[in-house]
Every structure is written in structure tokens, then in C-alpha cells.
Amino acid sequence: MEGFADYVARERERLNTERDSLIQQRRDIDQKLAAIDNEYRAVDAYQAAKAGKNTGRSRLRKDLSSEGNGDLEPRSEERFHSAAGIERSLRIQRRKKDV
């Protein structure tokens, strides 16, 4: 016959195991949400680059050009390379998900 102390010890162990499992699930979900947020940012940057809007490095170049450095204005081929880089990044992320 088991004592009350044994019962309490088993219940504590069961609860700790269940709690640890839930904490790990929450970490996994947080990582998945962060990956989705990164994809949203990449898509937004891609759409902005396709639309010809200045983002990231191009925005910095435009800011510098407004200070009198006209030769730092982003060229259209720079925006193209930026969009291609974003497309490549999205393909890599999709491949990682499929693996």
C-alpha cells in the first residue's frame, strides 16, 4: 500500500513532465511564428523592390543623395538585384521548410 507522500511525489513528477512538454511546444510555436514573420518581411521587401520603392540600402543611398551626393542615387539595376536576392532568399526558406 502506497502512502500519501508517494502519491504526491508521482503527481508532482507527472505535472512537471506535462509542464515541460507544454513549454517546449510553446518554444516551437514561437519559432514558427518568428519564421512566418520573417517571410512576411521578405515578401513586403520584395513587393517594395518590384514596385521601385526604396528600402534598406537604397533608402540610405537616397538619404545621402539628398545631402548633395547626387551620385549615390540608387540605380534601377541595384533594385533589380535586390529583388532577385529576395526571391532567392524566399526559395531557400521554402526549401528548408520542405526538408
Protein backbone atom coordinates (compact mmCIF):
# COMPACT_ATOMS: atom_id res chain seq x y z
CA MET A 1 0.00 0.00 0.00
CA GLU A 2 1.38 3.35 -1.01
CA GLY A 3 1.50 6.33 1.23
CA PHE A 4 0.20 9.80 0.57
CA ALA A 5 3.76 11.09 0.15
CA ASP A 6 4.36 8.62 -2.70
CA TYR A 7 1.14 9.73 -4.40
CA VAL A 8 2.11 13.41 -4.11
CA ALA A 9 5.60 12.70 -5.48
CA ARG A 10 4.15 10.89 -8.52
CA GLU A 11 1.67 13.71 -9.17
CA ARG A 12 4.44 16.31 -8.96
CA GLU A 13 6.51 14.32 -11.45
CA ARG A 14 3.54 13.96 -13.82
CA LEU A 15 2.77 17.66 -13.64
CA ASN A 16 6.41 18.63 -14.17
CA THR A 17 6.63 16.37 -17.23
CA GLU A 18 3.43 17.81 -18.70
CA ARG A 19 4.59 21.37 -17.97
CA ASP A 20 7.98 20.78 -19.63
CA SER A 21 6.24 19.37 -22.68
CA LEU A 22 3.98 22.41 -22.97
CA ILE A 23 6.90 24.80 -22.56
CA GLN A 24 8.72 23.05 -25.42
CA GLN A 25 5.60 23.22 -27.59
CA ARG A 26 5.35 26.95 -26.89
CA ARG A 27 9.02 27.42 -27.91
CA ASP A 28 8.38 25.52 -31.13
CA ILE A 29 5.33 27.64 -31.90
CA ASP A 30 7.25 30.85 -31.14
CA GLN A 31 9.98 29.77 -33.57
CA LYS A 32 7.42 29.01 -36.27
CA LEU A 33 5.74 32.38 -35.74
CA ALA A 34 9.11 34.14 -35.99
CA ALA A 35 9.82 32.31 -39.27
CA ILE A 36 6.44 33.40 -40.65
CA ASP A 37 7.10 36.99 -39.58
CA ASN A 38 10.45 36.86 -41.41
CA GLU A 39 8.71 35.61 -44.54
CA TYR A 40 6.17 38.44 -44.31
CA ARG A 41 9.04 40.95 -44.11
CA ALA A 42 10.78 39.34 -47.06
CA VAL A 43 7.60 39.42 -49.14
CA ASP A 44 7.00 43.06 -48.21
CA ALA A 45 10.57 43.95 -49.17
CA TYR A 46 10.23 42.02 -52.43
CA GLN A 47 6.99 43.80 -53.33
CA ALA A 48 8.51 47.18 -52.47
CA ALA A 49 11.57 46.42 -54.61
CA LYS A 50 9.38 45.30 -57.53
CA ALA A 51 7.32 48.48 -57.20
CA GLY A 52 10.52 50.54 -57.29
CA LYS A 53 10.20 51.83 -53.76
CA ASN A 54 13.37 52.47 -51.83
CA THR A 55 14.05 50.06 -48.99
CA GLY A 56 17.06 49.22 -46.89
CA ARG A 57 20.32 50.18 -48.59
CA SER A 58 18.55 52.03 -51.37
CA ARG A 59 16.79 54.24 -48.83
CA LEU A 60 20.13 55.09 -47.23
CA ARG A 61 21.55 55.99 -50.63
CA LYS A 62 18.58 58.25 -51.34
CA ASP A 63 19.00 59.95 -47.96
CA LEU A 64 22.66 60.57 -48.74
CA SER A 65 21.82 61.89 -52.20
CA SER A 66 19.50 64.48 -50.67
CA GLU A 67 22.53 65.80 -48.79
CA GLY A 68 24.25 66.78 -52.00
CA ASN A 69 25.80 63.45 -53.02
CA GLY A 70 23.76 63.02 -56.21
CA ASP A 71 25.93 60.16 -57.47
CA LEU A 72 24.62 57.92 -54.67
CA GLU A 73 21.08 57.69 -56.06
CA PRO A 74 20.14 54.01 -56.44
CA ARG A 75 20.27 52.72 -59.98
CA SER A 76 17.44 50.61 -61.37
CA GLU A 77 19.73 47.58 -61.73
CA GLU A 78 20.50 47.75 -57.99
CA ARG A 79 16.80 47.47 -57.26
CA PHE A 80 16.61 44.53 -59.66
CA HIS A 81 19.46 42.74 -57.91
CA SER A 82 17.79 43.41 -54.58
CA ALA A 83 14.53 41.87 -55.81
CA ALA A 84 16.41 38.86 -57.19
CA GLY A 85 18.14 38.40 -53.85
CA ILE A 86 14.82 38.46 -52.05
CA GLU A 87 13.37 35.89 -54.46
CA ARG A 88 16.40 33.66 -53.87
CA SER A 89 16.01 34.04 -50.10
CA LEU A 90 12.33 33.08 -50.26
CA ARG A 91 13.15 29.96 -52.32
CA ILE A 92 15.79 28.91 -49.78
CA GLN A 93 13.35 29.39 -46.89
CA ARG A 94 10.73 27.28 -48.67
CA ARG A 95 13.26 24.51 -49.29
CA LYS A 96 14.24 24.50 -45.61
CA LYS A 97 10.59 24.09 -44.65
CA ASP A 98 10.15 21.17 -47.06
CA VAL A 99 13.14 19.28 -45.64
